[in-house]
Structures are given as structure tokens and as C-alpha cells.
Amino acid sequence: MDQATLLHKIVLRENLTMPEANVLIGAIVSEGTPAQISAFLTALAVKGIQADELAGFAQRLREDAVPVPCHVDNHIDTCGTGGGVSSFNVSTAAAIIAAAAGAVVAKHGNRAVTGRFGSADVLEAIGVPICEGPEIATRRLEHLGFAFLFAPKFHPTAARVAPIRKELPFRTVFNILGPLLNPAAARRQIVGVWDPALLNIVGETLLRLESEFSIVVHGEPGLDEISPISTTQVRVIENGEMRREEWTPATFGAKPVDFSALLSAETSIENGNMLIRAVTEVDSDKCLAVLPSAAVAIRLAGLADSWPSAYELARETVRSGKGADKLEHLRKDA
């Protein structure tokens, strides 16, 4: 089917097959006009996304991406959808702690598109370089255990959609796609989603994309992160299956933190300073807010065999100064 026919199917609220979705997204990002791109994003938002469609879109955009060779095992990503309660950059802080503990983290991310501050904005504010090409990304992964993969540089075709996304007054499928498009082909990842209705869809998509070991989470209240406050709804993708779980801070052997510990600041540098506290000041409110997410990243990387032991390793990584050391090394590599 051609682009027009497939677009018409979406307008009629008919679901696409995975191959159809693959064809349509390829046409949209490579040759779609602004009107066609806007029509696609709007019609899909009205119809609602399905796992076959999301997997087909992701499959094609992965094929079109600039690849980042990663010659290590069990590398991970902590990229979420954004769009939840406005919190400081928890997943980015968790990624740095995990890297300091020994994980290899290919952190995929962007500047803010629909939210306040993207991970790229905050890392730049505190002097951590973003990777704009595969060679330097591979070098940083191998020598530092951490690389920030700036999405527009690795997905040049999808970058054509960004200006149109900014003009639309609603979230689009690209908010969901971002975490599924890691250029380093990370098959182990944490994906936070802003809406609990996305848990199954994203989980089933990861199954179709043959994820090795991944966690999809939605935390209360309204977080696209693991909640250090209350409950977290979870989908675990492992060994070709998906299972449901519900976590609380007690799952990690931790106590709840106050909601204020998560809240975003007004500037990227203030958010960056919160991130610095999270990775350098053990038992500070920022650190305690991040440790559950860091624990999951650590376990996904194969460095612990239970959530409490992963949490303790994350905490010890900060307490021992390894978090601060890792941050300093990342800054010096600028």
C-alpha cells in the first residue's frame, strides 16, 4: 500500500500491521510534506497507537538510524517518554550512578520538545558533553562506560518531524518512540511512560523488537519514572515473556521520600545542580529519589541479582565517591 492509502486507514481508525507501519513511517519521515506529517501525527493520536504499529515504526526508524557500535555486553539505556509530572532528570542521574557502579550506559535523549528540560539541556548545563557522532560515542562507551546519544544526530530523518511536533498541542507517537530507538541497539532498558495505558503497549512492542531484559514503569503520582514515593506499575520483559509487577520503595528496602524531592526547578542549571546532588550526596533527598531507578539500571546490567542488593550497590556507589568521580570524568572528556 502507498502512503495515502495507509494514512486513510488511520483516519478511518483502522489499525496497521507491523509491515504497513514500517512502510508508512519510512515514507512520512523521508518524503512527507508538513501537511502529511501533521495529518499522520494527528490521526494517529485520535485513533490510538497499537503495539504492532509502534513496533513497525520503531523497526524502520532503527534501520534508518546512524548506528553506534558497542563492543561490550549488557549495555543499557534509561530513556523515558517524558510527559509525566515535572520532575528533575531522574533517569539521567540514575544512568550516571549505574555507570559509576560498572554498567555501560548508552543514554539516548534529546532537548526538551514538549516538556521543560530535556536530558541534553541539563547535561550541557553542567558541562557533560553530548555525542554527536558514532565514533566518539563508541569511544566514550568503551572508556567511560557512559555516552549521551543526542537523538537528532543519530536519527536525521526523524528530525524532520521535530518542528511540527512543537506546533501541535498534544503528545505524539514520537514521544513514545524515542526510548525504542537507541542507536547503540541497547536490548536492556528502563522505559518510563507518562500514562499507565502505555505500559502494555510499550511492553508488547519491546517483545516484538526482541528486547532481552527491559522494565516499563509508571510511578505514582503521575511519574514517567520509578516512584520513590508510592507505588509503581511495572511490566518486566524477560526471556521472551512479559509479566506484571507492582513495586513500592520497600521493594528496594527503601523508605518513601517526600514528593518535593522530585520537583523540577525553573532553569536547566538548577536542574543540573539537582542531578549533581543526586550522584554525589548520599542520602540527600535528591539521591534517595534517584536510587530506585539507579538500582534497576544496575540490575539490568547484570551487576546485582535482587532489587535490594542493586539498591545497596547504587547507594554505596554514591557514598564511596564513585558517583562524583564518574561525573568529573564525564566533564573532563568534553
Foldseek 3Di string as FASTA:
>chain_A
DAQVVLLVCLLVLHADALQSLLRNLVCCLPPNDLVSLLSSFVSCVVSDDFLRNLLSNQVNLLVQWAAAAAPDPLEEEADALDDFAAFFDLSVLLQLLLLLLPHQYAYEWEADQPDQGIPCLQCVLVQFDADLHRVVQRVCSVPQSYHYHHPCSGRVSCVVCRVSSSVDPDDGCVSVSRVSRRSHPNLEYEYFYQDPVCQVSSLVNSLVVPRAWYKYKADPPRDSACALAAKIWIWIQHPSDIDTDIDYNVQQPDHRADPVLTHDDNHSNVSSVLSLCLLAPAPDSSVSRNLQSSLSSNVSSVNDDGNNVSSVSSRVSNVVCSSVVSSVVSSVVD
